[in-house]
Structures are given as structure tokens and as C-alpha cells.
Amino acid sequence: MPEGPIAARMREKLAEGLHPDRLEIEDDSARHAGHHHHGGVDARPGGESHFNLTIVAEAFEGQSRVARQRAVTALLAEELAGPVHALSIRALTPREV
């Protein structure tokens, strides 16, 4: 399945900001279709609202799990403030793979 525009934008920002060895972005929106949360429906029509992210980057060396998550969410702040409702992050160094 081709990558949507939101996933492509996320991929571009993460590639530029962290220069990962591996970057996997999975649109998991279909699993959340029709779920209600805080008075609204979680998944957007057409998907791209829930993602699973695996990123392997040397940039994470010496960082705590929280620091790694903060680095990713800082790069994706615009997406997380808008179309992306949920993001599961697995951030590793090359030695942890």
C-alpha cells in the first residue's frame, strides 16, 4: 500500500532530523476506525491518524527512552497537533537492534 501524504511528511522530517539507519512508519488507523474518544471519533476517514513508528538512529546513543521520544515528537509536533491522533514510538540505537 502506498504511503499517504502525512506519513511521507513524517518520514521526511525524521530522515532530516535524525538520519536514521532504519525507519518504518505503519498506518494503524484502520484498527481504530469507529472508536470514540473524548466525544469524537479517533480515526480520520482515509486513515493517517494512528501510526506505529520504529526508528533506529545513532542520534539516540546515550539518550534515555524519554529523551528519544521527545526528540521524535519535537520533529513531528505539527502532525501531532493536527491530523495524527496517536503515535507509538519504538526508538533504538543500531546496537540495540
C-alpha atoms as a PDB file:
ATOM      1  CA  MET A   1       0.000   0.000   0.000  1.00  0.00           C
ATOM      2  CA  PRO A   2       1.445   3.394  -0.928  1.00  0.00           C
ATOM      3  CA  GLU A   3       2.387   5.818   1.810  1.00  0.00           C
ATOM      4  CA  GLY A   4      -0.026   8.690   2.379  1.00  0.00           C
ATOM      5  CA  PRO A   5       0.943  12.370   2.470  1.00  0.00           C
ATOM      6  CA  ILE A   6       1.062  12.599   6.282  1.00  0.00           C
ATOM      7  CA  ALA A   7       3.308   9.531   6.600  1.00  0.00           C
ATOM      8  CA  ALA A   8       5.522  10.869   3.797  1.00  0.00           C
ATOM      9  CA  ARG A   9       5.876  14.220   5.586  1.00  0.00           C
ATOM     10  CA  MET A  10       6.691  12.422   8.847  1.00  0.00           C
ATOM     11  CA  ARG A  11       9.302  10.281   7.053  1.00  0.00           C
ATOM     12  CA  GLU A  12      10.924  13.382   5.538  1.00  0.00           C
ATOM     13  CA  LYS A  13      11.136  15.228   8.875  1.00  0.00           C
ATOM     14  CA  LEU A  14      12.524  12.213  10.742  1.00  0.00           C
ATOM     15  CA  ALA A  15      15.070  11.486   8.000  1.00  0.00           C
ATOM     16  CA  GLU A  16      16.298  15.093   8.006  1.00  0.00           C
ATOM     17  CA  GLY A  17      16.335  15.433  11.783  1.00  0.00           C
ATOM     18  CA  LEU A  18      17.729  12.070  12.895  1.00  0.00           C
ATOM     19  CA  HIS A  19      19.395  10.457   9.835  1.00  0.00           C
ATOM     20  CA  PRO A  20      18.088   7.004  10.788  1.00  0.00           C
ATOM     21  CA  ASP A  21      19.595   3.705   9.709  1.00  0.00           C
ATOM     22  CA  ARG A  22      16.067   2.290   9.622  1.00  0.00           C
ATOM     23  CA  LEU A  23      12.693   3.995   9.574  1.00  0.00           C
ATOM     24  CA  GLU A  24       9.372   2.144   9.487  1.00  0.00           C
ATOM     25  CA  ILE A  25       6.075   4.015   9.587  1.00  0.00           C
ATOM     26  CA  GLU A  26       2.942   1.885   9.761  1.00  0.00           C
ATOM     27  CA  ASP A  27      -0.500   3.444   9.382  1.00  0.00           C
ATOM     28  CA  ASP A  28      -2.538   1.661  12.051  1.00  0.00           C
ATOM     29  CA  SER A  29      -5.664   3.807  11.607  1.00  0.00           C
ATOM     30  CA  ALA A  30      -7.882   1.016  10.286  1.00  0.00           C
ATOM     31  CA  ARG A  31      -7.714  -0.742  13.679  1.00  0.00           C
ATOM     32  CA  HIS A  32      -9.170   2.387  15.306  1.00  0.00           C
ATOM     33  CA  ALA A  33     -11.937   3.181  12.841  1.00  0.00           C
ATOM     34  CA  GLY A  34     -15.165   3.922  14.653  1.00  0.00           C
ATOM     35  CA  HIS A  35     -13.574   4.123  18.111  1.00  0.00           C
ATOM     36  CA  HIS A  36     -14.776   7.046  20.187  1.00  0.00           C
ATOM     37  CA  HIS A  37     -12.519   9.103  22.401  1.00  0.00           C
ATOM     38  CA  HIS A  38     -13.222  12.364  24.241  1.00  0.00           C
ATOM     39  CA  GLY A  39     -16.510  12.808  22.458  1.00  0.00           C
ATOM     40  CA  GLY A  40     -15.136  12.340  18.936  1.00  0.00           C
ATOM     41  CA  VAL A  41     -14.165   9.560  16.600  1.00  0.00           C
ATOM     42  CA  ASP A  42     -10.460   8.676  16.759  1.00  0.00           C
ATOM     43  CA  ALA A  43      -9.693   7.580  13.213  1.00  0.00           C
ATOM     44  CA  ARG A  44      -9.995  10.038  10.346  1.00  0.00           C
ATOM     45  CA  PRO A  45     -11.716   8.929   7.153  1.00  0.00           C
ATOM     46  CA  GLY A  46      -8.961   7.760   4.823  1.00  0.00           C
ATOM     47  CA  GLY A  47      -6.623   6.859   7.681  1.00  0.00           C
ATOM     48  CA  GLU A  48      -3.377   8.518   8.681  1.00  0.00           C
ATOM     49  CA  SER A  49      -4.475   9.259  12.234  1.00  0.00           C
ATOM     50  CA  HIS A  50      -2.765   6.406  14.130  1.00  0.00           C
ATOM     51  CA  PHE A  51       0.798   5.311  13.447  1.00  0.00           C
ATOM     52  CA  ASN A  52       3.354   2.814  14.707  1.00  0.00           C
ATOM     53  CA  LEU A  53       6.902   4.078  14.267  1.00  0.00           C
ATOM     54  CA  THR A  54      10.155   2.149  14.510  1.00  0.00           C
ATOM     55  CA  ILE A  55      13.272   4.247  14.129  1.00  0.00           C
ATOM     56  CA  VAL A  56      16.889   3.155  14.507  1.00  0.00           C
ATOM     57  CA  ALA A  57      19.371   6.017  14.706  1.00  0.00           C
ATOM     58  CA  GLU A  58      22.852   6.671  16.024  1.00  0.00           C
ATOM     59  CA  ALA A  59      21.440  10.002  17.279  1.00  0.00           C
ATOM     60  CA  PHE A  60      19.752   8.109  20.136  1.00  0.00           C
ATOM     61  CA  GLU A  61      23.060   6.858  21.555  1.00  0.00           C
ATOM     62  CA  GLY A  62      23.341   7.814  25.228  1.00  0.00           C
ATOM     63  CA  GLN A  63      19.748   9.116  25.391  1.00  0.00           C
ATOM     64  CA  SER A  64      17.076   7.812  27.735  1.00  0.00           C
ATOM     65  CA  ARG A  65      13.862   6.373  26.340  1.00  0.00           C
ATOM     66  CA  VAL A  66      12.057   9.592  27.288  1.00  0.00           C
ATOM     67  CA  ALA A  67      14.669  11.775  25.564  1.00  0.00           C
ATOM     68  CA  ARG A  68      14.351   9.685  22.401  1.00  0.00           C
ATOM     69  CA  GLN A  69      10.560  10.035  22.437  1.00  0.00           C
ATOM     70  CA  ARG A  70      10.872  13.790  22.967  1.00  0.00           C
ATOM     71  CA  ALA A  71      13.272  14.086  20.018  1.00  0.00           C
ATOM     72  CA  VAL A  72      10.782  12.298  17.753  1.00  0.00           C
ATOM     73  CA  THR A  73       7.734  14.200  18.980  1.00  0.00           C
ATOM     74  CA  ALA A  74       9.562  17.546  18.650  1.00  0.00           C
ATOM     75  CA  LEU A  75      10.226  16.814  14.975  1.00  0.00           C
ATOM     76  CA  LEU A  76       6.592  15.770  14.451  1.00  0.00           C
ATOM     77  CA  ALA A  77       4.956  18.490  16.579  1.00  0.00           C
ATOM     78  CA  GLU A  78       2.915  19.855  13.668  1.00  0.00           C
ATOM     79  CA  GLU A  79       1.477  16.443  12.779  1.00  0.00           C
ATOM     80  CA  LEU A  80       0.772  15.571  16.416  1.00  0.00           C
ATOM     81  CA  ALA A  81      -1.066  18.872  16.883  1.00  0.00           C
ATOM     82  CA  GLY A  82      -3.299  18.161  13.910  1.00  0.00           C
ATOM     83  CA  PRO A  83      -4.011  15.070  11.880  1.00  0.00           C
ATOM     84  CA  VAL A  84      -2.120  12.467  13.948  1.00  0.00           C
ATOM     85  CA  HIS A  85      -4.146  11.335  16.930  1.00  0.00           C
ATOM     86  CA  ALA A  86      -1.802   8.589  18.199  1.00  0.00           C
ATOM     87  CA  LEU A  87       1.834   7.652  17.626  1.00  0.00           C
ATOM     88  CA  SER A  88       3.515   4.568  19.047  1.00  0.00           C
ATOM     89  CA  ILE A  89       7.292   5.124  19.051  1.00  0.00           C
ATOM     90  CA  ARG A  90       9.982   2.457  19.174  1.00  0.00           C
ATOM     91  CA  ALA A  91      13.304   4.351  19.091  1.00  0.00           C
ATOM     92  CA  LEU A  92      16.544   2.356  19.160  1.00  0.00           C
ATOM     93  CA  THR A  93      20.252   2.738  18.539  1.00  0.00           C
ATOM     94  CA  PRO A  94      21.902   0.477  15.942  1.00  0.00           C
ATOM     95  CA  ARG A  95      23.458  -1.563  18.790  1.00  0.00           C
ATOM     96  CA  GLU A  96      20.030  -2.256  20.292  1.00  0.00           C
ATOM     97  CA  VAL A  97      18.617  -3.862  17.165  1.00  0.00           C
END
